[in-house]
Each structure stands twice: as structure tokens, then as C-alpha cells.
Amino acid sequence: MANLKELRNRIVSIGSTMQITSAMKMVSAAKLKRAQDSIIKMRPYAEKLTEILQNLSATLDTSENQFAIQREVNNVLIIPVTSNRGLCGAFNSQVLKRSRNLVAQYKQQGANVKVMTIGKKAFDNFKKGGAELVGSEIEIWNDLSFENASVIAENLMQGFLNGDFDKVILVYNHFKNAASQEVLEEQFLPVKPVEGDRTATSDYIFEPGKREILEDLIPKSLKTQVFKALLDSNASEHGARMTAMHKATDNAKELQGDLKLEYNKARQASITNEILEIVGGADALEG
């Protein structure tokens, strides 16, 4: 059994840790509220815009929508989206695992696979190897805005048009609620055709003209898709960190309770021994 001083030090240390995890939980909860509001407001608009784009793509030829060109997949770009910081449970590791599985899958198919990371955790992981690292975005989380997301999307779109990539895939956490996130692998380029029997059910009237509308709508839709993925990941990060810190606080509280019980038992045993020694000494004097 540890001595009383060691137990006291451990109890104090765990108490300090519990204060830190509790504070981090509250900070993440506050950030989560803002991030959750952003993605909830953004998601219906982004999904509808993507739906319109897919429906229109089914009626366009490649001269009207070069972002829908289906080429032989020789060059693939994987984009894992992680956070810059840890202490958020399996939030980052799940994305990295899925991304590495995708890299291995396309390499087995004979494709040349490259990786562009978003977030420091992804960069630190892939700089060790596994696939050619062609770029990284770390500062985006310091100022997450549509303008900054648009710059990333424009670079990806230009790379696709130049033939640098035949397929671009985003891997990120989809926000469900504060305690639940789902890792998605989403094809960014080329624009996926309408799946199954789904066809365009609406007749669109183009004003001022079809070409002018499409030249603006298609790039905007793709930029919105990137921004939505980043907002999803941002909300998921804060939810995962809040949940992880909540569990850490509960575990610290439980451990602290166990140590206090052990400390009280050790203290009681020490007092009992001292009493026995005093009684023994008194008996010896009387004898």
C-alpha cells in the first residue's frame, strides 16, 4: 500500500487534471454551439445545390461541364480532414485510418495516389510516408470562412482541369450530434452522376442564359461542398472533444474517489498502529 504522502500527492494531481478536463469540456461545449448552428444552417443549402448540380450534369455534355468528365482513374488525390489538436477521442484516428485504407485500395488498382492534408494531425501522420504529400492546409482552422475554403476548392478544381488528378476524394467526419460522428469518403471531383434511376425531375428556366448560369453555379456548388465538409469536421471536432473531456472528467472523479478511500484506509491503519504502540508501551511500563 502506498504511503500517505504519495496518496495525497496523487489525489491533488488528479484534482488538477480534473479541473483542466472540466474546463476544456466547457470551452468545447461553447464552441460546439456555434459550430453546430453553422453546419445546420449550411447543410440544406449545400445539399440542394449539389442535387441541382447533379441533375443538371446529367443533361450536359462535357463541353458545358468539364468538372463531370469521367476519365480513367490513374491519378487520385485523397484529402483527409483532421484537427490541429488532439484530446478529441478517435476523431482524428478514424479519418487517418480510412484515408490510409483508401490509399492502399487505389494503389492496389495501379493508380498513382497523392495526399493533400487539411489539419496538422493529418500532416504529421502522412509526412512519415505512405503516399506522396502534395500540400497541406493547417491555418484554415484559425479562420474558417467560405472565402478561405474557396481557395482550397479552386486549387482542386484547377488541378482536375489540368489533368493532375482524375479523381479527388474528401475524407472527413460528418456531424450527427454532439456524441456521434461518422467518417465519410466523399467524391469531390469529377461530379458524380445521378445515382440509380434518379433523374432530373424539374425543368429549369435559365436567366439570363444557360451558359452564364452554369459558369457561376458549378464552381460555386463545388466551393460550397468543400466549405460544408470543413464545417462538418469543425462541429464534429468540438463534439468529439467535449465528449472525450466529459469522459476524462468522470474517470478522474472516479479515480480520485478510489484514492481517497485508499487514503482513508491507510490513515486509519496508521492511527490504529500508533494507538497499539502507545497501549503496548503503557503495558510495558506497568509491567
Protein backbone atom coordinates (compact mmCIF):
# COMPACT_ATOMS: atom_id res chain seq x y z
CA MET A 1 0.00 0.00 0.00
CA ALA A 2 1.34 3.46 -0.95
CA ASN A 3 2.26 5.75 1.89
CA LEU A 4 0.03 8.67 2.88
CA LYS A 5 2.20 11.34 1.26
CA GLU A 6 2.17 9.57 -2.13
CA LEU A 7 -1.59 9.14 -1.96
CA ARG A 8 -2.11 12.83 -1.07
CA ASN A 9 0.08 13.89 -4.00
CA ARG A 10 -1.83 11.65 -6.41
CA ILE A 11 -5.18 12.95 -5.17
CA VAL A 12 -4.05 16.56 -5.64
CA SER A 13 -2.60 15.79 -9.09
CA ILE A 14 -5.80 14.09 -10.27
CA GLY A 15 -7.83 17.00 -8.90
CA SER A 16 -5.76 19.42 -11.02
CA THR A 17 -6.21 17.24 -14.09
CA MET A 18 -9.95 17.07 -13.45
CA GLN A 19 -10.13 20.89 -13.35
CA ILE A 20 -8.35 21.07 -16.72
CA THR A 21 -10.56 18.47 -18.43
CA SER A 22 -13.68 20.08 -17.00
CA ALA A 23 -12.62 23.50 -18.31
CA MET A 24 -11.81 22.03 -21.74
CA LYS A 25 -15.23 20.39 -21.81
CA MET A 26 -16.96 23.72 -21.17
CA VAL A 27 -14.86 25.50 -23.80
CA SER A 28 -15.66 22.81 -26.38
CA ALA A 29 -19.35 22.97 -25.47
CA ALA A 30 -19.38 26.72 -26.14
CA LYS A 31 -17.55 26.31 -29.47
CA LEU A 32 -19.78 23.38 -30.40
CA LYS A 33 -22.91 25.52 -30.14
CA ARG A 34 -21.60 27.99 -32.72
CA ALA A 35 -20.18 25.28 -35.00
CA GLN A 36 -23.40 23.25 -34.79
CA ASP A 37 -25.53 26.25 -35.71
CA SER A 38 -23.28 26.93 -38.72
CA ILE A 39 -23.44 23.43 -40.18
CA ILE A 40 -27.17 23.01 -39.52
CA LYS A 41 -27.88 26.25 -41.39
CA MET A 42 -25.44 25.43 -44.20
CA ARG A 43 -26.32 21.77 -44.82
CA PRO A 44 -29.78 22.16 -46.51
CA TYR A 45 -28.44 24.82 -48.87
CA ALA A 46 -25.35 22.79 -49.76
CA GLU A 47 -27.30 19.57 -50.28
CA LYS A 48 -29.88 21.28 -52.51
CA LEU A 49 -27.17 22.98 -54.55
CA THR A 50 -25.39 19.64 -55.01
CA GLU A 51 -28.65 17.99 -56.05
CA ILE A 52 -29.29 20.67 -58.67
CA LEU A 53 -25.71 20.31 -59.93
CA GLN A 54 -26.02 16.52 -60.26
CA ASN A 55 -29.36 16.80 -62.04
CA LEU A 56 -28.01 19.39 -64.45
CA SER A 57 -24.84 17.37 -65.06
CA ALA A 58 -26.96 14.51 -66.36
CA THR A 59 -28.26 16.79 -69.11
CA LEU A 60 -24.96 18.47 -70.02
CA ASP A 61 -22.13 17.40 -72.30
CA THR A 62 -18.50 17.67 -71.24
CA SER A 63 -18.03 20.96 -73.08
CA GLU A 64 -20.60 22.52 -70.76
CA ASN A 65 -19.39 20.86 -67.55
CA GLN A 66 -15.74 19.88 -67.63
CA PHE A 67 -15.87 19.01 -63.93
CA ALA A 68 -18.05 15.99 -64.72
CA ILE A 69 -15.61 14.36 -67.13
CA GLN A 70 -15.17 10.70 -66.18
CA ARG A 71 -11.57 9.78 -67.00
CA GLU A 72 -9.65 6.58 -66.44
CA VAL A 73 -8.52 6.77 -62.82
CA ASN A 74 -4.72 6.91 -62.99
CA ASN A 75 -4.11 9.77 -60.55
CA VAL A 76 -6.05 10.00 -57.30
CA LEU A 77 -5.93 12.73 -54.68
CA ILE A 78 -7.03 11.84 -51.14
CA ILE A 79 -7.82 14.73 -48.78
CA PRO A 80 -8.05 13.71 -45.09
CA VAL A 81 -9.61 16.44 -42.94
CA THR A 82 -8.44 16.40 -39.31
CA SER A 83 -7.97 18.89 -36.49
CA ASN A 84 -4.81 20.72 -35.47
CA ARG A 85 -5.06 19.49 -31.87
CA GLY A 86 -5.71 16.19 -30.15
CA LEU A 87 -7.61 15.26 -26.98
CA CYS A 88 -10.73 14.51 -29.01
CA GLY A 89 -11.00 10.75 -28.78
CA ALA A 90 -10.95 8.78 -32.04
CA PHE A 91 -11.89 11.83 -34.12
CA ASN A 92 -8.56 12.04 -35.98
CA SER A 93 -7.53 8.38 -35.91
CA GLN A 94 -10.70 7.24 -37.68
CA VAL A 95 -10.15 9.68 -40.56
CA LEU A 96 -6.49 8.73 -40.86
CA LYS A 97 -7.32 5.01 -40.84
CA ARG A 98 -9.96 5.43 -43.56
CA SER A 99 -7.59 7.58 -45.62
CA ARG A 100 -4.76 5.05 -45.43
CA ASN A 101 -7.18 2.29 -46.43
CA LEU A 102 -8.17 4.34 -49.48
CA VAL A 103 -4.53 4.94 -50.38
CA ALA A 104 -3.84 1.19 -50.19
CA GLN A 105 -7.00 0.39 -52.16
CA TYR A 106 -6.17 2.66 -55.10
CA LYS A 107 -2.52 1.61 -55.10
CA GLN A 108 -3.65 -1.99 -55.47
CA GLN A 109 -5.65 -0.88 -58.51
CA GLY A 110 -2.47 0.53 -60.02
CA ALA A 111 -3.29 4.22 -59.52
CA ASN A 112 -0.80 6.90 -58.56
CA VAL A 113 -2.08 8.17 -55.20
CA LYS A 114 -1.28 11.56 -53.70
CA VAL A 115 -2.44 13.16 -50.47
CA MET A 116 -3.27 16.74 -49.56
CA THR A 117 -3.86 17.15 -45.84
CA ILE A 118 -6.14 19.57 -44.03
CA GLY A 119 -5.23 19.82 -40.35
CA LYS A 120 -1.94 19.36 -38.51
CA LYS A 121 -2.74 15.84 -37.30
CA ALA A 122 -3.14 14.59 -40.87
CA PHE A 123 0.03 16.37 -41.97
CA ASP A 124 2.07 14.89 -39.11
CA ASN A 125 0.76 11.43 -39.98
CA PHE A 126 1.34 11.45 -43.73
CA LYS A 127 4.67 13.26 -43.69
CA LYS A 128 6.06 9.99 -42.32
CA GLY A 129 5.22 8.29 -45.63
CA GLY A 130 2.58 6.07 -47.14
CA ALA A 131 1.75 8.36 -50.05
CA GLU A 132 3.18 11.39 -51.83
CA LEU A 133 2.26 14.54 -49.90
CA VAL A 134 1.46 17.34 -52.35
CA GLY A 135 0.16 20.00 -49.98
CA SER A 136 -1.22 20.82 -46.57
CA GLU A 137 -3.67 23.29 -45.07
CA ILE A 138 -3.18 23.95 -41.36
CA GLU A 139 -4.09 27.60 -40.87
CA ILE A 140 -7.61 27.13 -42.26
CA TRP A 141 -8.89 26.27 -38.75
CA ASN A 142 -7.68 29.63 -37.45
CA ASP A 143 -10.07 31.41 -39.80
CA LEU A 144 -12.70 29.08 -41.20
CA SER A 145 -14.66 31.03 -43.80
CA PHE A 146 -16.20 30.47 -47.21
CA GLU A 147 -13.51 32.66 -48.79
CA ASN A 148 -10.67 30.53 -47.40
CA ALA A 149 -12.48 27.30 -48.29
CA SER A 150 -12.97 28.66 -51.83
CA VAL A 151 -9.21 28.98 -52.29
CA ILE A 152 -8.77 25.28 -51.48
CA ALA A 153 -11.63 24.34 -53.83
CA GLU A 154 -10.24 26.47 -56.67
CA ASN A 155 -6.84 24.76 -56.43
CA LEU A 156 -8.51 21.34 -56.56
CA MET A 157 -10.70 22.35 -59.50
CA GLN A 158 -7.72 23.70 -61.42
CA GLY A 159 -5.72 20.56 -60.72
CA PHE A 160 -8.56 18.43 -62.08
CA LEU A 161 -8.88 20.56 -65.24
CA ASN A 162 -5.11 20.37 -65.78
CA GLY A 163 -5.25 16.59 -65.57
CA ASP A 164 -3.15 16.39 -62.40
CA PHE A 165 -5.91 14.33 -60.77
CA ASP A 166 -8.54 12.06 -62.28
CA LYS A 167 -10.42 11.72 -59.00
CA VAL A 168 -10.47 13.79 -55.80
CA ILE A 169 -11.88 12.31 -52.57
CA LEU A 170 -12.59 14.11 -49.30
CA VAL A 171 -12.38 12.09 -46.07
CA TYR A 172 -13.92 13.84 -43.07
CA ASN A 173 -16.17 13.45 -40.04
CA HIS A 174 -19.87 14.05 -40.69
CA PHE A 175 -21.55 15.70 -37.70
CA LYS A 176 -24.61 13.86 -36.41
CA ASN A 177 -24.82 15.16 -32.85
CA ALA A 178 -22.51 16.11 -30.00
CA ALA A 179 -21.75 12.49 -29.16
CA SER A 180 -21.81 10.94 -32.62
CA GLN A 181 -19.74 11.49 -35.76
CA GLU A 182 -19.49 9.41 -38.91
CA VAL A 183 -16.45 9.22 -41.17
CA LEU A 184 -17.40 9.89 -44.80
CA GLU A 185 -15.42 9.47 -48.00
CA GLU A 186 -16.99 11.87 -50.47
CA GLN A 187 -16.07 12.14 -54.13
CA PHE A 188 -15.42 15.79 -54.86
CA LEU A 189 -14.33 15.50 -58.48
CA PRO A 190 -15.45 14.52 -61.00
CA VAL A 191 -19.03 15.47 -60.20
CA LYS A 192 -20.87 12.20 -59.56
CA PRO A 193 -23.69 11.46 -62.00
CA VAL A 194 -27.20 10.97 -60.69
CA GLU A 195 -27.32 7.57 -58.97
CA GLY A 196 -29.64 4.75 -59.98
CA ASP A 197 -32.95 5.73 -61.55
CA ARG A 198 -32.84 9.26 -60.18
CA THR A 199 -33.20 11.78 -62.94
CA ALA A 200 -33.84 15.47 -63.07
CA THR A 201 -37.48 15.91 -62.16
CA SER A 202 -37.58 19.67 -62.64
CA ASP A 203 -37.45 21.76 -65.76
CA TYR A 204 -35.07 24.63 -65.15
CA ILE A 205 -35.55 28.03 -66.71
CA PHE A 206 -32.20 29.75 -67.21
CA GLU A 207 -31.98 33.52 -66.91
CA PRO A 208 -30.05 35.30 -68.36
CA GLY A 209 -28.80 32.13 -70.09
CA LYS A 210 -27.77 28.55 -69.52
CA ARG A 211 -24.04 29.04 -70.07
CA GLU A 212 -23.82 32.12 -67.85
CA ILE A 213 -25.70 30.38 -65.04
CA LEU A 214 -23.61 27.20 -65.24
CA GLU A 215 -20.31 29.08 -65.33
CA ASP A 216 -21.26 30.57 -61.96
CA LEU A 217 -23.30 27.72 -60.45
CA ILE A 218 -20.89 24.82 -60.95
CA PRO A 219 -17.82 26.42 -59.30
CA LYS A 220 -19.99 27.84 -56.51
CA SER A 221 -21.52 24.43 -55.85
CA LEU A 222 -18.07 22.80 -55.63
CA LYS A 223 -16.78 25.51 -53.30
CA THR A 224 -19.85 25.09 -51.13
CA GLN A 225 -19.21 21.34 -50.98
CA VAL A 226 -15.71 21.93 -49.59
CA PHE A 227 -16.96 24.52 -47.11
CA LYS A 228 -19.69 22.17 -45.89
CA ALA A 229 -17.14 19.39 -45.33
CA LEU A 230 -14.97 21.75 -43.29
CA LEU A 231 -17.95 22.95 -41.22
CA ASP A 232 -18.98 19.33 -40.66
CA SER A 233 -15.48 18.44 -39.48
CA ASN A 234 -15.26 21.52 -37.27
CA ALA A 235 -18.52 20.74 -35.47
CA SER A 236 -17.54 17.08 -35.16
CA GLU A 237 -14.20 18.02 -33.60
CA HIS A 238 -15.79 20.11 -30.86
CA GLY A 239 -18.42 17.45 -30.21
CA ALA A 240 -15.77 14.72 -30.00
CA ARG A 241 -13.56 16.80 -27.71
CA MET A 242 -16.46 17.72 -25.43
CA THR A 243 -17.43 14.04 -25.14
CA ALA A 244 -13.82 12.95 -24.57
CA MET A 245 -13.26 15.57 -21.87
CA HIS A 246 -16.56 14.65 -20.21
CA LYS A 247 -15.45 11.02 -20.01
CA ALA A 248 -11.99 12.04 -18.81
CA THR A 249 -13.52 14.18 -16.05
CA ASP A 250 -15.78 11.33 -14.94
CA ASN A 251 -12.86 8.89 -14.93
CA ALA A 252 -10.72 11.31 -12.93
CA LYS A 253 -13.53 11.80 -10.41
CA GLU A 254 -13.93 8.03 -10.02
CA LEU A 255 -10.17 7.50 -9.64
CA GLN A 256 -9.96 10.33 -7.13
CA GLY A 257 -12.75 8.72 -5.10
CA ASP A 258 -10.93 5.38 -5.09
CA LEU A 259 -7.70 7.04 -3.98
CA LYS A 260 -9.48 8.95 -1.19
CA LEU A 261 -10.93 5.68 0.06
CA GLU A 262 -7.49 4.08 -0.05
CA TYR A 263 -6.02 7.14 1.69
CA ASN A 264 -8.61 6.98 4.47
CA LYS A 265 -7.97 3.27 4.96
CA ALA A 266 -4.22 3.83 5.11
CA ARG A 267 -4.67 6.75 7.52
CA GLN A 268 -6.97 4.68 9.74
CA ALA A 269 -4.47 1.81 9.73
CA SER A 270 -1.68 4.23 10.65
CA ILE A 271 -3.71 5.68 13.55
CA THR A 272 -4.61 2.16 14.75
CA ASN A 273 -0.92 1.17 14.70
CA GLU A 274 0.02 4.25 16.67
CA ILE A 275 -2.67 3.51 19.28
CA LEU A 276 -1.46 -0.08 19.54
CA GLU A 277 2.09 1.12 20.01
CA ILE A 278 1.01 3.52 22.76
CA VAL A 279 -1.02 0.83 24.53
CA GLY A 280 1.85 -1.62 24.18
CA GLY A 281 4.27 0.92 25.62
CA ALA A 282 1.94 1.65 28.56
CA ASP A 283 1.57 -2.06 29.30
CA ALA A 284 5.34 -2.46 29.24
CA LEU A 285 5.79 0.41 31.74
CA GLU A 286 3.16 -1.07 34.10
CA GLY A 287 4.82 -4.47 33.91
